N, C-alpha and C. Protein backbone atom coordinates (compact mmCIF):
# COMPACT_ATOMS: atom_id res chain seq x y z
N MET A 1 -1.53 11.11 4.17
CA MET A 1 -2.35 12.11 3.76
C MET A 1 -3.87 11.71 4.36
N GLN A 2 -4.48 13.21 4.37
CA GLN A 2 -6.02 12.21 4.93
C GLN A 2 -6.99 12.93 3.69
N ARG A 3 -7.72 12.53 3.20
CA ARG A 3 -8.55 12.88 2.06
C ARG A 3 -9.77 13.78 2.82
N GLN A 4 -10.43 14.68 2.89
CA GLN A 4 -11.54 15.19 3.04
C GLN A 4 -12.68 15.38 2.18
N GLN A 5 -13.86 14.90 2.45
CA GLN A 5 -14.54 14.98 1.27
C GLN A 5 -15.72 16.07 1.49
N ALA A 6 -16.83 16.41 0.79
CA ALA A 6 -17.12 17.98 1.27
C ALA A 6 -18.01 17.36 2.48
N ASP A 7 -18.70 15.88 2.58
CA ASP A 7 -19.63 15.73 3.92
C ASP A 7 -18.87 15.97 5.27
N GLY A 8 -17.26 16.04 4.91
CA GLY A 8 -16.49 15.55 6.17
C GLY A 8 -16.05 14.35 6.09
N ALA A 9 -16.48 13.30 5.56
CA ALA A 9 -15.88 12.21 5.59
C ALA A 9 -14.45 11.98 5.33
N THR A 10 -13.31 11.37 5.68
CA THR A 10 -12.24 10.89 5.71
C THR A 10 -11.50 10.00 5.62
N ALA A 11 -10.67 9.62 5.05
CA ALA A 11 -9.94 8.76 5.03
C ALA A 11 -8.19 8.93 5.12
N LYS A 12 -8.13 8.22 5.54
CA LYS A 12 -6.31 8.10 5.94
C LYS A 12 -5.50 7.24 6.65
N GLY A 13 -3.97 6.87 6.51
CA GLY A 13 -3.87 5.82 6.99
C GLY A 13 -2.14 6.14 6.21
N GLY A 14 -0.81 5.13 6.75
CA GLY A 14 0.03 5.06 6.66
C GLY A 14 0.53 3.42 6.11
N LEU A 15 1.76 3.70 6.52
CA LEU A 15 2.83 2.44 5.67
C LEU A 15 3.75 2.53 6.82
N THR A 16 3.76 1.39 7.93
CA THR A 16 4.99 0.82 9.07
C THR A 16 5.89 -0.51 8.21
N ALA A 17 7.01 -0.23 8.01
CA ALA A 17 8.02 -1.39 7.97
C ALA A 17 8.63 -2.09 8.66
N ILE A 18 8.51 -3.80 8.90
CA ILE A 18 9.67 -4.15 10.42
C ILE A 18 10.69 -5.26 9.40
N ILE A 19 11.45 -4.48 9.61
CA ILE A 19 12.97 -4.92 9.36
C ILE A 19 13.43 -5.92 10.21
N LYS A 20 13.54 -7.27 10.19
CA LYS A 20 14.31 -8.04 10.95
C LYS A 20 15.39 -8.63 10.13
N SER A 21 16.90 -8.63 11.03
CA SER A 21 17.73 -9.24 10.79
C SER A 21 18.23 -10.57 11.03
N ALA A 22 19.14 -11.13 10.60
CA ALA A 22 19.69 -12.90 10.62
C ALA A 22 19.67 -12.97 12.07
N ASP A 23 20.19 -12.34 13.10
CA ASP A 23 20.10 -12.17 14.16
C ASP A 23 19.00 -11.83 15.05
N GLY A 24 17.86 -12.05 14.41
CA GLY A 24 16.63 -11.80 15.40
C GLY A 24 16.38 -10.11 16.05
N ALA A 25 17.67 -9.10 15.30
CA ALA A 25 17.10 -7.62 16.08
C ALA A 25 16.76 -7.75 14.70
N GLN A 26 15.33 -6.28 14.98
CA GLN A 26 14.54 -5.83 14.11
C GLN A 26 14.50 -4.59 14.45
N ARG A 27 13.87 -3.57 13.31
CA ARG A 27 13.70 -2.34 13.46
C ARG A 27 12.43 -1.84 12.62
N ILE A 28 11.90 -0.77 13.56
CA ILE A 28 10.29 -0.43 13.06
C ILE A 28 10.59 0.99 12.48
N VAL A 29 10.07 0.84 11.19
CA VAL A 29 10.28 2.14 10.49
C VAL A 29 8.52 2.56 10.25
N GLU A 30 8.63 4.18 10.55
CA GLU A 30 7.43 4.43 10.08
C GLU A 30 7.75 5.52 8.76
N LEU A 31 6.90 4.89 7.64
CA LEU A 31 7.21 5.35 6.06
C LEU A 31 6.46 6.78 5.90
N GLY A 32 5.42 6.67 6.11
CA GLY A 32 4.54 7.97 5.85
C GLY A 32 3.36 7.16 5.57
N LYS A 33 2.70 8.59 5.20
CA LYS A 33 0.87 8.47 4.82
C LYS A 33 0.89 8.33 3.47
N ASN A 34 -0.05 7.81 3.29
CA ASN A 34 -0.51 7.33 1.73
C ASN A 34 -1.51 8.27 1.15
N THR A 35 -1.49 7.97 -0.13
CA THR A 35 -2.36 9.01 -1.17
C THR A 35 -3.06 7.71 -1.84
N LEU A 36 -4.51 8.20 -1.59
CA LEU A 36 -5.50 6.82 -2.05
C LEU A 36 -5.66 7.19 -3.82
N CYS A 37 -5.43 6.75 -4.33
CA CYS A 37 -5.63 6.57 -5.69
C CYS A 37 -6.98 6.75 -6.91
N GLN A 38 -7.30 6.85 -7.85
CA GLN A 38 -8.84 7.12 -8.18
C GLN A 38 -9.37 5.94 -8.12
N ALA A 39 -8.29 4.76 -8.59
CA ALA A 39 -8.59 3.49 -8.77
C ALA A 39 -9.36 3.08 -7.76
N TYR A 40 -8.76 3.29 -6.58
CA TYR A 40 -9.17 2.85 -4.95
C TYR A 40 -10.75 3.75 -4.57
N LEU A 41 -10.45 5.01 -5.07
CA LEU A 41 -12.08 5.24 -5.05
C LEU A 41 -13.20 5.35 -5.53
N ASN A 42 -13.18 4.67 -6.75
CA ASN A 42 -13.61 4.20 -8.26
C ASN A 42 -14.25 2.72 -7.37
N ALA A 43 -13.22 2.16 -6.54
CA ALA A 43 -13.38 0.70 -5.85
C ALA A 43 -14.28 0.90 -4.91
N VAL A 44 -14.35 2.02 -4.32
CA VAL A 44 -15.26 1.68 -3.05
C VAL A 44 -16.42 2.35 -3.30
N ALA A 45 -16.45 2.85 -4.72
CA ALA A 45 -18.01 3.51 -4.87
C ALA A 45 -18.71 2.29 -5.43
N ALA A 46 -17.73 1.31 -6.40
CA ALA A 46 -18.14 0.18 -6.70
C ALA A 46 -19.46 -0.81 -5.43
N TRP A 47 -17.98 -1.08 -4.56
CA TRP A 47 -18.24 -1.98 -3.69
C TRP A 47 -19.83 -1.37 -2.81
N SER A 48 -19.96 -0.12 -2.53
CA SER A 48 -20.86 -0.03 -1.62
C SER A 48 -22.32 0.16 -2.08
N THR A 49 -22.21 0.24 -3.76
CA THR A 49 -23.31 -0.04 -4.24
C THR A 49 -23.47 -1.36 -4.84
N GLY A 50 -22.82 -2.29 -4.37
CA GLY A 50 -22.59 -3.92 -5.62
C GLY A 50 -22.45 -4.36 -6.75
N ALA A 51 -22.21 -2.96 -7.36
CA ALA A 51 -21.81 -2.79 -8.35
C ALA A 51 -20.64 -3.70 -9.28
N ASN A 52 -20.53 -4.44 -9.62
CA ASN A 52 -19.23 -5.26 -10.32
C ASN A 52 -18.85 -5.84 -9.18
N ASN A 53 -19.43 -6.17 -8.30
CA ASN A 53 -18.75 -7.36 -7.34
C ASN A 53 -18.33 -8.80 -7.47
N THR A 54 -18.74 -9.35 -8.65
CA THR A 54 -19.06 -10.60 -9.27
C THR A 54 -19.06 -10.35 -10.48
N GLY A 55 -18.86 -11.93 -11.07
CA GLY A 55 -19.12 -12.33 -12.70
C GLY A 55 -17.50 -11.64 -13.20
N TYR A 56 -17.94 -11.47 -14.45
CA TYR A 56 -16.56 -10.78 -15.34
C TYR A 56 -16.06 -9.53 -14.71
N ASN A 57 -14.77 -9.29 -14.71
CA ASN A 57 -14.05 -8.01 -14.36
C ASN A 57 -14.65 -7.49 -12.92
N PRO A 58 -14.62 -8.27 -12.00
CA PRO A 58 -15.25 -7.88 -10.65
C PRO A 58 -14.38 -6.71 -10.34
N THR A 59 -15.05 -5.63 -9.65
CA THR A 59 -13.67 -5.04 -8.79
C THR A 59 -13.30 -5.51 -8.05
N SER A 60 -11.99 -5.53 -8.01
CA SER A 60 -11.11 -6.14 -7.32
C SER A 60 -10.40 -5.47 -5.75
N PRO A 61 -10.37 -5.77 -4.55
CA PRO A 61 -9.10 -5.03 -3.60
C PRO A 61 -8.35 -5.03 -4.29
N PRO A 62 -7.44 -4.24 -3.23
CA PRO A 62 -5.68 -4.40 -2.94
C PRO A 62 -5.65 -6.00 -2.86
N MET A 63 -4.45 -5.97 -3.58
CA MET A 63 -4.09 -7.64 -3.67
C MET A 63 -2.66 -7.73 -3.89
N GLN A 64 -1.72 -6.49 -3.79
CA GLN A 64 -0.37 -7.03 -4.12
C GLN A 64 0.16 -5.27 -3.79
N PHE A 65 1.11 -5.94 -3.65
CA PHE A 65 2.38 -4.57 -2.83
C PHE A 65 3.60 -4.47 -3.96
N ILE A 66 3.97 -2.93 -4.09
CA ILE A 66 4.89 -3.10 -5.13
C ILE A 66 5.88 -1.85 -4.18
N LEU A 67 7.12 -1.77 -4.48
CA LEU A 67 8.21 -0.81 -4.12
C LEU A 67 8.62 -0.15 -5.04
N GLY A 68 9.32 1.18 -5.17
CA GLY A 68 10.03 1.50 -6.00
C GLY A 68 10.64 2.66 -5.71
N THR A 69 11.53 3.67 -6.56
CA THR A 69 12.25 4.13 -6.14
C THR A 69 12.68 5.77 -6.69
N GLY A 70 10.98 6.03 -6.76
CA GLY A 70 11.20 7.30 -7.79
C GLY A 70 10.89 8.13 -6.63
N THR A 71 10.82 9.66 -7.25
CA THR A 71 10.58 11.12 -6.20
C THR A 71 9.42 11.61 -7.17
N GLY A 72 8.74 12.42 -6.20
CA GLY A 72 7.45 13.57 -6.73
C GLY A 72 6.55 13.57 -5.52
N THR A 73 5.63 14.08 -5.75
CA THR A 73 4.26 14.05 -5.20
C THR A 73 3.37 13.21 -5.83
N PRO A 74 2.90 12.04 -4.72
CA PRO A 74 2.02 11.19 -5.06
C PRO A 74 0.80 12.15 -5.17
N GLU A 75 -0.29 11.85 -5.87
CA GLU A 75 -1.46 12.62 -6.39
C GLU A 75 -2.31 11.44 -6.67
N VAL A 76 -3.82 12.03 -6.17
CA VAL A 76 -5.49 10.94 -6.67
C VAL A 76 -4.69 10.45 -8.15
N SER A 77 -4.74 11.39 -9.01
CA SER A 77 -4.75 10.88 -10.61
C SER A 77 -3.18 9.67 -10.68
N ASP A 78 -2.57 9.17 -10.05
CA ASP A 78 -1.50 8.48 -10.03
C ASP A 78 -2.51 7.11 -10.70
N THR A 79 -1.17 6.49 -11.92
CA THR A 79 -1.89 5.07 -12.03
C THR A 79 -0.63 4.37 -11.73
N ALA A 80 0.73 4.77 -11.57
CA ALA A 80 1.75 3.43 -11.30
C ALA A 80 2.46 4.54 -10.41
N LEU A 81 3.43 3.69 -9.29
CA LEU A 81 4.81 4.60 -9.21
C LEU A 81 5.56 4.68 -9.93
N PHE A 82 6.42 6.42 -9.66
CA PHE A 82 7.17 6.76 -10.59
C PHE A 82 8.46 5.97 -10.79
N ALA A 83 8.86 5.25 -10.08
CA ALA A 83 10.14 4.03 -10.66
C ALA A 83 9.38 2.94 -10.01
N PRO A 84 8.43 2.25 -10.39
CA PRO A 84 8.73 0.95 -9.78
C PRO A 84 9.61 0.02 -10.00
N GLN A 85 10.29 -1.19 -9.14
CA GLN A 85 11.50 -1.70 -9.21
C GLN A 85 10.73 -3.28 -9.69
N SER A 86 11.39 -3.71 -10.69
CA SER A 86 10.87 -5.15 -10.64
C SER A 86 11.23 -5.93 -9.57
N GLY A 87 10.74 -7.39 -9.70
CA GLY A 87 10.96 -8.46 -8.66
C GLY A 87 10.37 -7.65 -6.83
N THR A 88 9.83 -6.84 -6.43
CA THR A 88 9.50 -6.34 -5.40
C THR A 88 7.96 -6.61 -5.54
N GLN A 89 7.01 -6.63 -6.48
CA GLN A 89 5.65 -7.10 -6.50
C GLN A 89 5.54 -8.16 -5.93
N MET A 90 4.56 -8.16 -4.74
CA MET A 90 4.43 -9.09 -3.81
C MET A 90 2.59 -8.89 -3.51
N GLY A 91 2.43 -10.40 -4.02
CA GLY A 91 0.78 -10.67 -3.37
C GLY A 91 1.01 -10.07 -1.65
N LEU A 92 -0.15 -9.76 -1.15
CA LEU A 92 -0.69 -9.71 0.29
C LEU A 92 -0.56 -10.68 0.77
N ALA A 93 0.02 -10.81 2.38
CA ALA A 93 -0.48 -12.11 2.74
C ALA A 93 -1.49 -11.78 3.68
N ALA A 94 -1.90 -10.81 4.11
CA ALA A 94 -3.50 -10.74 4.12
C ALA A 94 -3.56 -9.11 4.38
N ARG A 95 -5.46 -9.50 3.90
CA ARG A 95 -6.36 -8.47 3.93
C ARG A 95 -7.10 -8.90 5.44
N THR A 96 -7.43 -7.39 6.21
CA THR A 96 -8.53 -7.51 7.31
C THR A 96 -8.83 -6.44 7.75
N ALA A 97 -9.86 -6.27 8.00
CA ALA A 97 -11.13 -5.53 8.68
C ALA A 97 -11.10 -5.29 10.22
N ASN A 98 -10.63 -4.28 10.48
CA ASN A 98 -10.79 -4.01 11.88
C ASN A 98 -11.80 -2.36 12.43
N ALA A 99 -12.81 -2.63 12.46
CA ALA A 99 -13.88 -2.11 13.01
C ALA A 99 -13.92 -0.70 11.69
N ASN A 100 -13.31 0.37 11.36
CA ASN A 100 -13.42 1.11 9.93
C ASN A 100 -11.95 1.28 9.40
N THR A 101 -10.98 0.13 9.96
CA THR A 101 -9.60 0.38 9.19
C THR A 101 -9.24 -1.03 8.53
N CYS A 102 -8.61 -0.67 7.39
CA CYS A 102 -8.61 -1.44 6.29
C CYS A 102 -7.09 -1.83 6.98
N ILE A 103 -5.90 -3.08 7.14
CA ILE A 103 -5.29 -3.68 7.03
C ILE A 103 -4.16 -4.52 5.99
N PHE A 104 -3.55 -3.93 5.46
CA PHE A 104 -2.87 -4.88 4.08
C PHE A 104 -1.21 -5.17 4.65
N THR A 105 -1.10 -6.58 4.55
CA THR A 105 0.08 -7.15 5.07
C THR A 105 0.92 -7.63 4.35
N THR A 106 2.23 -7.66 3.89
CA THR A 106 2.86 -8.31 2.91
C THR A 106 4.74 -8.65 3.74
N ASN A 107 4.76 -9.81 3.78
CA ASN A 107 6.24 -10.32 3.96
C ASN A 107 6.97 -10.38 3.09
N TYR A 108 8.25 -9.85 3.02
CA TYR A 108 9.34 -10.56 2.52
C TYR A 108 10.14 -11.71 2.74
N ASN A 109 10.28 -12.56 2.43
CA ASN A 109 11.66 -13.47 3.23
C ASN A 109 12.99 -13.06 2.97
N THR A 110 13.69 -13.94 3.84
CA THR A 110 15.35 -13.12 3.67
C THR A 110 15.77 -13.93 2.33
N GLY A 111 16.39 -12.59 1.43
CA GLY A 111 17.05 -12.94 0.25
C GLY A 111 15.81 -12.72 -1.16
N GLN A 112 14.54 -12.62 -0.83
CA GLN A 112 13.70 -11.68 -1.42
C GLN A 112 13.58 -10.45 -1.72
N LEU A 113 14.64 -9.39 -0.93
CA LEU A 113 14.15 -8.20 -1.44
C LEU A 113 15.39 -7.50 -0.61
N SER A 114 16.20 -6.56 -1.79
CA SER A 114 17.49 -5.67 -1.44
C SER A 114 17.60 -4.56 -1.89
N GLY A 115 17.90 -3.43 -1.60
CA GLY A 115 17.71 -2.40 -2.12
C GLY A 115 17.11 -1.60 -1.27
N THR A 116 17.19 -0.22 -1.75
CA THR A 116 17.02 1.36 -0.87
C THR A 116 15.82 1.47 -1.62
N PHE A 117 14.56 2.07 -1.12
CA PHE A 117 13.75 2.24 -1.42
C PHE A 117 12.80 3.55 -1.13
N THR A 118 11.78 4.34 -1.54
CA THR A 118 11.83 5.97 -1.66
C THR A 118 9.83 5.48 -1.82
N GLU A 119 9.23 4.47 -2.08
CA GLU A 119 7.80 4.87 -2.78
C GLU A 119 7.49 3.35 -2.72
N ALA A 120 6.29 2.97 -2.51
CA ALA A 120 5.43 1.87 -2.53
C ALA A 120 3.78 2.13 -2.84
N GLY A 121 3.00 1.23 -3.38
CA GLY A 121 1.96 1.10 -3.84
C GLY A 121 1.12 0.36 -3.03
N LEU A 122 0.04 -0.05 -3.49
CA LEU A 122 -1.07 -1.00 -3.54
C LEU A 122 -1.84 -1.72 -4.94
N LEU A 123 -1.76 -2.75 -5.24
CA LEU A 123 -2.24 -3.18 -6.80
C LEU A 123 -3.18 -4.30 -6.51
N ASP A 124 -4.52 -3.13 -6.98
CA ASP A 124 -5.93 -4.66 -7.53
C ASP A 124 -5.49 -5.47 -8.48
N ALA A 125 -6.06 -6.60 -8.49
CA ALA A 125 -5.52 -7.61 -9.22
C ALA A 125 -5.38 -7.48 -10.47
N ASN A 126 -6.17 -6.51 -11.19
CA ASN A 126 -5.24 -6.07 -12.50
C ASN A 126 -4.06 -4.94 -12.64
N SER A 127 -3.32 -4.75 -11.88
CA SER A 127 -1.96 -4.07 -11.55
C SER A 127 -2.68 -2.81 -11.47
N ASN A 128 -3.83 -2.09 -11.33
CA ASN A 128 -4.52 -0.50 -11.05
C ASN A 128 -3.77 -0.40 -10.04
N LEU A 129 -3.25 0.88 -9.88
CA LEU A 129 -2.31 1.65 -8.66
C LEU A 129 -3.97 2.27 -7.74
N MET A 130 -3.94 1.76 -6.37
CA MET A 130 -4.97 1.50 -5.84
C MET A 130 -4.57 2.86 -4.49
N THR A 131 -3.21 2.72 -3.85
CA THR A 131 -2.37 4.17 -3.00
C THR A 131 -1.11 4.03 -3.47
N HIS A 132 -0.43 5.07 -3.08
CA HIS A 132 0.77 5.69 -3.37
C HIS A 132 1.18 6.47 -2.23
N LEU A 133 2.47 5.81 -1.67
CA LEU A 133 3.36 6.35 -0.74
C LEU A 133 4.43 7.15 -0.87
N LEU A 134 4.98 7.92 -0.75
CA LEU A 134 6.51 8.14 -0.89
C LEU A 134 7.15 8.52 0.48
N PHE A 135 8.01 7.45 1.01
CA PHE A 135 8.52 7.61 2.02
C PHE A 135 9.28 8.61 2.65
N GLN A 136 9.03 9.05 3.97
CA GLN A 136 9.40 10.22 4.54
C GLN A 136 10.93 10.03 4.50
N THR A 137 11.57 8.85 4.39
CA THR A 137 13.18 8.88 4.01
C THR A 137 13.32 7.96 3.66
N PRO A 138 14.27 7.77 2.49
CA PRO A 138 14.52 6.18 1.96
C PRO A 138 15.01 5.11 3.24
N LEU A 139 14.19 4.11 2.39
CA LEU A 139 14.36 2.40 3.28
C LEU A 139 15.14 1.42 2.76
N SER A 140 16.14 1.08 3.57
CA SER A 140 17.31 0.36 2.81
C SER A 140 17.09 -1.07 3.14
N VAL A 141 16.76 -2.33 2.92
CA VAL A 141 16.85 -3.42 2.99
C VAL A 141 17.75 -4.66 2.50
N THR A 142 18.66 -5.30 2.82
CA THR A 142 19.82 -5.86 2.73
C THR A 142 19.49 -7.57 2.49
N ASN A 143 19.43 -8.40 1.57
CA ASN A 143 19.23 -9.50 1.37
C ASN A 143 19.77 -10.62 2.63
N THR A 144 19.97 -10.33 3.13
CA THR A 144 20.04 -10.57 5.04
C THR A 144 19.08 -10.52 5.34
N GLU A 145 18.15 -9.44 5.01
CA GLU A 145 16.89 -9.18 6.38
C GLU A 145 15.89 -9.90 5.61
N ALA A 146 14.78 -9.99 6.80
CA ALA A 146 13.12 -9.99 6.02
C ALA A 146 12.38 -8.73 6.24
N ALA A 147 11.48 -8.24 5.64
CA ALA A 147 10.82 -7.96 5.93
C ALA A 147 9.16 -7.61 5.75
N THR A 148 8.60 -6.77 6.54
CA THR A 148 7.30 -7.16 6.58
C THR A 148 6.45 -5.60 6.88
N PHE A 149 5.48 -5.55 5.76
CA PHE A 149 5.04 -4.37 5.40
C PHE A 149 3.68 -4.11 5.82
N ILE A 150 3.31 -3.41 6.86
CA ILE A 150 1.38 -3.03 7.61
C ILE A 150 1.23 -1.48 6.60
N TRP A 151 0.37 -1.88 5.72
CA TRP A 151 -0.62 -0.71 5.03
C TRP A 151 -1.85 -0.83 6.02
N SER A 152 -2.48 0.54 6.54
CA SER A 152 -3.78 1.16 7.38
C SER A 152 -4.52 1.88 6.74
N VAL A 153 -5.44 1.58 6.42
CA VAL A 153 -6.38 3.24 5.34
C VAL A 153 -7.77 3.03 6.70
N THR A 154 -8.11 4.05 7.14
CA THR A 154 -8.72 4.25 8.12
C THR A 154 -9.95 5.17 7.44
N TRP A 155 -10.98 5.07 7.75
CA TRP A 155 -12.03 5.74 7.46
C TRP A 155 -12.97 6.38 8.32
N ASN A 156 -13.13 7.65 8.01
CA ASN A 156 -13.88 8.20 9.42
C ASN A 156 -15.19 8.90 8.88
N ALA A 157 -16.13 8.72 9.49
CA ALA A 157 -17.09 10.21 9.39
C ALA A 157 -16.78 11.53 9.31
N GLY A 158 -17.40 12.35 9.31
CA GLY A 158 -17.04 13.68 9.37
C GLY A 158 -17.70 14.24 10.77
């Protein structure tokens, strides 16, 4: 999903999964486009002004990844996944910036993830939902597979 601001500025992005089986075979799945939630938009405003970036309760960037099994239409007002799955919340392995694109990577080793998932989100350090994505098609992962999720957010001027 792409958010268009009144001045033409946009933020868009999506999520890709790389699933690797024990025999080394891999499948790459484009899961869909994200929705930036209010917590992310509030954080961008705080970071841009330098407000509350240090000290007590600083504004946190995305720090964790979570999967769910819910359905619905993600909205900017979402504060949680529709049906978050316990045991899927994982710290990000990497947060990188490449020009105007933020890339968030999460890795699950073999045996850490199993199930069929329909949604994902990025959370800040306080577990506030920052982005929400409903998969185009459900993603199944077995406990004999490893999974890497790569989430991108690209900012563009109008």
